[in-house]
Amino acid sequence: MSGLGRLPHLGIGVSGYDRVSPLAEDHLPAVGTSTRPIFLPGSEALDDVLRPPSLEERLALDVVPASLDLGLTEPATMTETRLSLAAAFRDAGLGGVTDDVARMLEHEAELDEEIRTAMALVLRG
């Protein structure tokens, strides 16, 4: 017990170490051959629990389509889409904000036409 009183288990520990020769490592497996399975936690599942998406992120995920047709980004198609949306807002007949949105979309369609005219002049030189 050597002066430890009622706690004899604290007297147990490492009393020394020996140097092992490099040849003793020959019994270890070669590099890359692991005998036990490797566990890699899925960070995505953990992130879903610890950091749920905010309201803005959820809304953005709901609004942005999974795939986008590249034909929609053509200037003529965008102008047609703006004008059809403006007509839909005007036909809704709710007034107020919907009329403002319709005016804004029609104004953007006019700007599209001005931009195309300006680009044609620039390309002509």
N, C-alpha and C. Protein backbone atom coordinates (compact mmCIF):
# COMPACT_ATOMS: atom_id res chain seq x y z
N MET A 1 0.82 -1.19 0.00
CA MET A 1 0.00 0.00 0.00
C MET A 1 0.86 1.25 0.00
N SER A 2 1.95 1.24 0.50
CA SER A 2 2.96 2.30 0.44
C SER A 2 2.40 3.71 0.63
N GLY A 3 1.69 3.94 1.70
CA GLY A 3 1.26 5.28 2.07
C GLY A 3 0.05 5.80 1.31
N LEU A 4 -0.71 4.97 0.60
CA LEU A 4 -1.86 5.46 -0.13
C LEU A 4 -3.15 5.33 0.67
N GLY A 5 -3.08 4.82 1.84
CA GLY A 5 -4.26 4.72 2.68
C GLY A 5 -5.24 3.71 2.14
N ARG A 6 -6.51 4.11 2.00
CA ARG A 6 -7.56 3.19 1.59
C ARG A 6 -7.72 3.09 0.07
N LEU A 7 -6.87 3.73 -0.70
CA LEU A 7 -6.97 3.70 -2.16
C LEU A 7 -5.78 2.93 -2.76
N PRO A 8 -5.77 1.62 -2.65
CA PRO A 8 -4.61 0.87 -3.14
C PRO A 8 -4.52 0.83 -4.66
N HIS A 9 -5.63 1.03 -5.38
CA HIS A 9 -5.59 0.93 -6.83
C HIS A 9 -4.84 2.11 -7.48
N LEU A 10 -4.58 3.19 -6.75
CA LEU A 10 -3.83 4.31 -7.30
C LEU A 10 -2.33 4.01 -7.35
N GLY A 11 -1.91 2.96 -6.71
CA GLY A 11 -0.50 2.59 -6.72
C GLY A 11 -0.12 1.77 -7.94
N ILE A 12 -1.07 1.47 -8.81
CA ILE A 12 -0.79 0.65 -9.98
C ILE A 12 -0.55 1.58 -11.17
N GLY A 13 0.46 1.32 -11.96
CA GLY A 13 0.73 2.16 -13.12
C GLY A 13 1.88 1.61 -13.92
N VAL A 14 2.42 2.40 -14.80
CA VAL A 14 3.53 1.98 -15.63
C VAL A 14 4.80 2.15 -14.82
N SER A 15 5.54 1.10 -14.75
CA SER A 15 6.79 1.17 -13.99
C SER A 15 7.99 1.28 -14.91
N GLY A 16 7.80 1.08 -16.20
CA GLY A 16 8.93 1.19 -17.12
C GLY A 16 8.48 0.84 -18.52
N TYR A 17 9.39 0.97 -19.47
CA TYR A 17 9.09 0.59 -20.84
C TYR A 17 10.37 0.00 -21.46
N ASP A 18 10.18 -0.78 -22.46
CA ASP A 18 11.30 -1.42 -23.16
C ASP A 18 11.27 -0.97 -24.62
N ARG A 19 12.40 -0.84 -25.21
CA ARG A 19 12.48 -0.52 -26.63
C ARG A 19 12.31 -1.82 -27.42
N VAL A 20 11.51 -1.74 -28.49
CA VAL A 20 11.25 -2.90 -29.30
C VAL A 20 12.02 -2.75 -30.61
N SER A 21 12.58 -3.81 -31.06
CA SER A 21 13.37 -3.75 -32.30
C SER A 21 12.44 -3.57 -33.50
N PRO A 22 12.89 -2.96 -34.60
CA PRO A 22 12.06 -2.74 -35.78
C PRO A 22 11.53 -4.04 -36.38
N LEU A 23 12.20 -5.15 -36.19
CA LEU A 23 11.74 -6.41 -36.74
C LEU A 23 10.45 -6.89 -36.08
N ALA A 24 10.13 -6.36 -34.92
CA ALA A 24 8.92 -6.79 -34.22
C ALA A 24 7.66 -6.29 -34.93
N GLU A 25 7.80 -5.32 -35.82
CA GLU A 25 6.64 -4.78 -36.52
C GLU A 25 6.27 -5.58 -37.75
N ASP A 26 6.98 -6.66 -38.04
CA ASP A 26 6.68 -7.47 -39.22
C ASP A 26 5.33 -8.15 -39.12
N HIS A 27 4.79 -8.34 -37.95
CA HIS A 27 3.52 -9.02 -37.81
C HIS A 27 2.32 -8.10 -38.09
N LEU A 28 2.57 -6.79 -38.23
CA LEU A 28 1.49 -5.85 -38.51
C LEU A 28 1.05 -5.98 -39.97
N PRO A 29 -0.23 -5.71 -40.27
CA PRO A 29 -0.69 -5.80 -41.67
C PRO A 29 -0.05 -4.71 -42.53
N ALA A 30 -0.02 -4.97 -43.81
CA ALA A 30 0.54 -4.00 -44.75
C ALA A 30 -0.36 -2.76 -44.79
N VAL A 31 0.17 -1.68 -45.31
CA VAL A 31 -0.56 -0.42 -45.37
C VAL A 31 -1.80 -0.59 -46.24
N GLY A 32 -2.94 -0.09 -45.77
CA GLY A 32 -4.16 -0.12 -46.54
C GLY A 32 -5.01 -1.35 -46.36
N THR A 33 -4.56 -2.32 -45.61
CA THR A 33 -5.38 -3.52 -45.36
C THR A 33 -5.88 -3.46 -43.93
N SER A 34 -7.03 -2.89 -43.76
CA SER A 34 -7.62 -2.78 -42.44
C SER A 34 -8.54 -3.97 -42.20
N THR A 35 -8.44 -4.57 -41.04
CA THR A 35 -9.28 -5.72 -40.74
C THR A 35 -10.63 -5.32 -40.16
N ARG A 36 -10.76 -4.10 -39.70
CA ARG A 36 -12.05 -3.67 -39.16
C ARG A 36 -12.72 -2.70 -40.13
N PRO A 37 -14.04 -2.64 -40.12
CA PRO A 37 -14.73 -1.72 -41.02
C PRO A 37 -14.50 -0.27 -40.60
N ILE A 38 -14.43 0.59 -41.58
CA ILE A 38 -14.22 2.01 -41.32
C ILE A 38 -15.58 2.69 -41.25
N PHE A 39 -15.79 3.45 -40.20
CA PHE A 39 -17.05 4.17 -40.03
C PHE A 39 -16.83 5.63 -40.36
N LEU A 40 -17.52 6.10 -41.37
CA LEU A 40 -17.49 7.51 -41.72
C LEU A 40 -18.91 8.06 -41.57
N PRO A 41 -19.15 8.93 -40.60
CA PRO A 41 -20.51 9.43 -40.39
C PRO A 41 -20.96 10.30 -41.55
N GLY A 42 -22.22 10.22 -41.88
CA GLY A 42 -22.78 11.06 -42.93
C GLY A 42 -22.99 12.47 -42.41
N SER A 43 -22.23 13.42 -42.93
CA SER A 43 -22.32 14.79 -42.42
C SER A 43 -23.64 15.45 -42.82
N GLU A 44 -24.23 15.03 -43.94
CA GLU A 44 -25.47 15.66 -44.38
C GLU A 44 -26.61 15.41 -43.39
N ALA A 45 -26.73 14.19 -42.92
CA ALA A 45 -27.80 13.88 -41.97
C ALA A 45 -27.59 14.65 -40.66
N LEU A 46 -26.35 14.75 -40.23
CA LEU A 46 -26.05 15.48 -39.01
C LEU A 46 -26.32 16.97 -39.20
N ASP A 47 -25.96 17.50 -40.36
CA ASP A 47 -26.23 18.91 -40.64
C ASP A 47 -27.73 19.19 -40.68
N ASP A 48 -28.51 18.25 -41.19
CA ASP A 48 -29.97 18.44 -41.24
C ASP A 48 -30.55 18.58 -39.84
N VAL A 49 -29.97 17.86 -38.89
CA VAL A 49 -30.48 17.91 -37.52
C VAL A 49 -29.95 19.14 -36.79
N LEU A 50 -28.65 19.39 -36.91
CA LEU A 50 -28.04 20.48 -36.14
C LEU A 50 -28.29 21.86 -36.74
N ARG A 51 -28.37 21.94 -38.07
CA ARG A 51 -28.59 23.23 -38.72
C ARG A 51 -29.74 23.11 -39.71
N PRO A 52 -30.98 23.14 -39.24
CA PRO A 52 -32.10 23.07 -40.18
C PRO A 52 -32.13 24.33 -41.05
N PRO A 53 -32.63 24.22 -42.27
CA PRO A 53 -32.65 25.39 -43.15
C PRO A 53 -33.58 26.48 -42.60
N SER A 54 -33.17 27.72 -42.81
CA SER A 54 -34.00 28.84 -42.37
C SER A 54 -35.20 28.98 -43.30
N LEU A 55 -36.09 29.86 -42.95
CA LEU A 55 -37.29 30.08 -43.77
C LEU A 55 -36.90 30.57 -45.16
N GLU A 56 -35.93 31.47 -45.25
CA GLU A 56 -35.49 31.99 -46.54
C GLU A 56 -34.92 30.87 -47.40
N GLU A 57 -34.12 29.98 -46.80
CA GLU A 57 -33.54 28.87 -47.56
C GLU A 57 -34.61 27.90 -48.03
N ARG A 58 -35.58 27.62 -47.17
CA ARG A 58 -36.66 26.71 -47.58
C ARG A 58 -37.49 27.30 -48.71
N LEU A 59 -37.77 28.61 -48.63
CA LEU A 59 -38.52 29.26 -49.70
C LEU A 59 -37.75 29.23 -51.01
N ALA A 60 -36.44 29.49 -50.93
CA ALA A 60 -35.62 29.46 -52.14
C ALA A 60 -35.59 28.07 -52.75
N LEU A 61 -35.53 27.04 -51.92
CA LEU A 61 -35.53 25.67 -52.44
C LEU A 61 -36.87 25.32 -53.08
N ASP A 62 -37.96 25.90 -52.58
CA ASP A 62 -39.27 25.63 -53.16
C ASP A 62 -39.49 26.39 -54.46
N VAL A 63 -38.87 27.56 -54.59
CA VAL A 63 -39.11 28.40 -55.76
C VAL A 63 -38.22 28.02 -56.94
N VAL A 64 -36.97 27.67 -56.66
CA VAL A 64 -36.03 27.35 -57.73
C VAL A 64 -36.32 25.96 -58.26
N PRO A 65 -36.53 25.82 -59.57
CA PRO A 65 -36.82 24.50 -60.13
C PRO A 65 -35.59 23.60 -60.13
N ALA A 66 -35.82 22.30 -60.14
CA ALA A 66 -34.71 21.35 -60.14
C ALA A 66 -33.94 21.42 -61.45
N SER A 67 -34.63 21.62 -62.56
CA SER A 67 -33.95 21.76 -63.84
C SER A 67 -34.55 22.96 -64.57
N LEU A 68 -33.71 23.62 -65.34
CA LEU A 68 -34.13 24.84 -66.02
C LEU A 68 -33.94 24.66 -67.52
N ASP A 69 -34.97 24.95 -68.27
CA ASP A 69 -34.91 24.88 -69.71
C ASP A 69 -34.12 26.09 -70.21
N LEU A 70 -33.05 25.85 -70.95
CA LEU A 70 -32.21 26.96 -71.42
C LEU A 70 -32.94 27.84 -72.42
N GLY A 71 -33.98 27.32 -73.06
CA GLY A 71 -34.76 28.13 -73.99
C GLY A 71 -35.50 29.26 -73.30
N LEU A 72 -35.73 29.13 -72.01
CA LEU A 72 -36.43 30.18 -71.27
C LEU A 72 -35.59 31.44 -71.12
N THR A 73 -34.28 31.32 -71.23
CA THR A 73 -33.41 32.48 -71.04
C THR A 73 -33.18 33.27 -72.32
N GLU A 74 -33.76 32.83 -73.42
CA GLU A 74 -33.64 33.60 -74.66
C GLU A 74 -34.44 34.90 -74.51
N PRO A 75 -33.91 36.00 -75.03
CA PRO A 75 -34.58 37.31 -74.83
C PRO A 75 -36.03 37.35 -75.31
N ALA A 76 -36.32 36.79 -76.45
CA ALA A 76 -37.70 36.84 -76.97
C ALA A 76 -38.64 36.04 -76.07
N THR A 77 -38.17 34.90 -75.58
CA THR A 77 -39.00 34.07 -74.71
C THR A 77 -39.26 34.77 -73.38
N MET A 78 -38.22 35.45 -72.86
CA MET A 78 -38.39 36.16 -71.59
C MET A 78 -39.39 37.31 -71.76
N THR A 79 -39.34 38.01 -72.88
CA THR A 79 -40.28 39.10 -73.11
C THR A 79 -41.70 38.57 -73.21
N GLU A 80 -41.88 37.48 -73.94
CA GLU A 80 -43.23 36.88 -74.05
C GLU A 80 -43.74 36.43 -72.68
N THR A 81 -42.85 35.86 -71.88
CA THR A 81 -43.24 35.41 -70.55
C THR A 81 -43.65 36.58 -69.67
N ARG A 82 -42.87 37.66 -69.74
CA ARG A 82 -43.21 38.86 -68.95
C ARG A 82 -44.58 39.42 -69.36
N LEU A 83 -44.82 39.49 -70.67
CA LEU A 83 -46.10 40.04 -71.14
C LEU A 83 -47.28 39.14 -70.78
N SER A 84 -47.08 37.82 -70.85
CA SER A 84 -48.18 36.92 -70.48
C SER A 84 -48.45 36.97 -68.97
N LEU A 85 -47.39 37.12 -68.18
CA LEU A 85 -47.59 37.28 -66.72
C LEU A 85 -48.30 38.59 -66.41
N ALA A 86 -47.91 39.65 -67.12
CA ALA A 86 -48.57 40.94 -66.89
C ALA A 86 -50.05 40.84 -67.23
N ALA A 87 -50.38 40.15 -68.32
CA ALA A 87 -51.79 39.99 -68.68
C ALA A 87 -52.53 39.17 -67.63
N ALA A 88 -51.87 38.15 -67.09
CA ALA A 88 -52.51 37.32 -66.06
C ALA A 88 -52.78 38.14 -64.80
N PHE A 89 -51.82 39.01 -64.43
CA PHE A 89 -52.03 39.86 -63.25
C PHE A 89 -53.14 40.87 -63.49
N ARG A 90 -53.21 41.41 -64.69
CA ARG A 90 -54.29 42.37 -65.00
C ARG A 90 -55.65 41.68 -65.02
N ASP A 91 -55.70 40.46 -65.57
CA ASP A 91 -56.96 39.72 -65.64
C ASP A 91 -57.44 39.25 -64.27
N ALA A 92 -56.52 39.18 -63.31
CA ALA A 92 -56.92 38.74 -61.96
C ALA A 92 -57.91 39.72 -61.36
N GLY A 93 -57.80 40.97 -61.73
CA GLY A 93 -58.77 41.98 -61.29
C GLY A 93 -58.73 42.28 -59.81
N LEU A 94 -57.60 42.03 -59.17
CA LEU A 94 -57.51 42.31 -57.73
C LEU A 94 -57.11 43.74 -57.44
N GLY A 95 -56.53 44.42 -58.43
CA GLY A 95 -56.12 45.81 -58.23
C GLY A 95 -54.94 45.92 -57.29
N GLY A 96 -54.58 47.12 -56.97
CA GLY A 96 -53.50 47.37 -56.02
C GLY A 96 -52.17 46.80 -56.48
N VAL A 97 -51.67 45.85 -55.72
CA VAL A 97 -50.34 45.29 -55.96
C VAL A 97 -50.28 44.56 -57.29
N THR A 98 -51.31 43.84 -57.66
CA THR A 98 -51.27 43.09 -58.92
C THR A 98 -51.17 44.03 -60.12
N ASP A 99 -51.83 45.18 -60.05
CA ASP A 99 -51.70 46.16 -61.14
C ASP A 99 -50.28 46.73 -61.18
N ASP A 100 -49.69 46.95 -60.01
CA ASP A 100 -48.31 47.43 -59.96
C ASP A 100 -47.35 46.41 -60.56
N VAL A 101 -47.57 45.15 -60.25
CA VAL A 101 -46.72 44.09 -60.79
C VAL A 101 -46.89 44.01 -62.30
N ALA A 102 -48.10 44.13 -62.79
CA ALA A 102 -48.35 44.08 -64.23
C ALA A 102 -47.64 45.25 -64.93
N ARG A 103 -47.73 46.46 -64.36
CA ARG A 103 -47.03 47.62 -64.93
C ARG A 103 -45.52 47.40 -64.94
N MET A 104 -44.99 46.83 -63.86
CA MET A 104 -43.55 46.58 -63.78
C MET A 104 -43.12 45.58 -64.86
N LEU A 105 -43.88 44.51 -65.05
CA LEU A 105 -43.54 43.52 -66.06
C LEU A 105 -43.63 44.11 -67.46
N GLU A 106 -44.63 44.93 -67.72
CA GLU A 106 -44.74 45.57 -69.03
C GLU A 106 -43.58 46.53 -69.27
N HIS A 107 -43.18 47.24 -68.22
CA HIS A 107 -42.04 48.16 -68.34
C HIS A 107 -40.76 47.37 -68.64
N GLU A 108 -40.58 46.22 -67.99
CA GLU A 108 -39.40 45.39 -68.26
C GLU A 108 -39.42 44.86 -69.69
N ALA A 109 -40.58 44.55 -70.21
CA ALA A 109 -40.69 44.10 -71.60
C ALA A 109 -40.29 45.24 -72.55
N GLU A 110 -40.67 46.47 -72.23
CA GLU A 110 -40.25 47.62 -73.03
C GLU A 110 -38.73 47.80 -72.97
N LEU A 111 -38.16 47.63 -71.77
CA LEU A 111 -36.71 47.73 -71.64
C LEU A 111 -36.00 46.65 -72.43
N ASP A 112 -36.59 45.45 -72.47
CA ASP A 112 -36.01 44.37 -73.29
C ASP A 112 -35.90 44.81 -74.75
N GLU A 113 -36.95 45.43 -75.25
CA GLU A 113 -36.97 45.88 -76.65
C GLU A 113 -35.90 46.95 -76.88
N GLU A 114 -35.77 47.89 -75.94
CA GLU A 114 -34.75 48.93 -76.06
C GLU A 114 -33.35 48.34 -76.03
N ILE A 115 -33.14 47.34 -75.18
CA ILE A 115 -31.82 46.71 -75.10
C ILE A 115 -31.50 45.98 -76.41
N ARG A 116 -32.47 45.29 -76.97
CA ARG A 116 -32.23 44.58 -78.24
C ARG A 116 -31.92 45.57 -79.36
N THR A 117 -32.61 46.70 -79.38
CA THR A 117 -32.35 47.71 -80.40
C THR A 117 -30.94 48.28 -80.22
N ALA A 118 -30.55 48.58 -79.00
CA ALA A 118 -29.22 49.11 -78.73
C ALA A 118 -28.14 48.10 -79.08
N MET A 119 -28.36 46.85 -78.77
CA MET A 119 -27.37 45.82 -79.10
C MET A 119 -27.23 45.66 -80.62
N ALA A 120 -28.34 45.78 -81.35
CA ALA A 120 -28.28 45.69 -82.80
C ALA A 120 -27.45 46.86 -83.38
N LEU A 121 -27.61 48.05 -82.81
CA LEU A 121 -26.82 49.20 -83.26
C LEU A 121 -25.35 49.02 -82.95
N VAL A 122 -25.04 48.47 -81.80
CA VAL A 122 -23.65 48.25 -81.42
C VAL A 122 -23.01 47.21 -82.34
N LEU A 123 -23.72 46.17 -82.63
CA LEU A 123 -23.16 45.11 -83.47
C LEU A 123 -23.00 45.55 -84.93
N ARG A 124 -23.80 46.51 -85.38
CA ARG A 124 -23.65 47.03 -86.74
C ARG A 124 -22.39 47.88 -86.87
N GLY A 125 -22.01 48.49 -85.75
CA GLY A 125 -20.77 49.27 -85.75
C GLY A 125 -21.04 50.67 -85.99
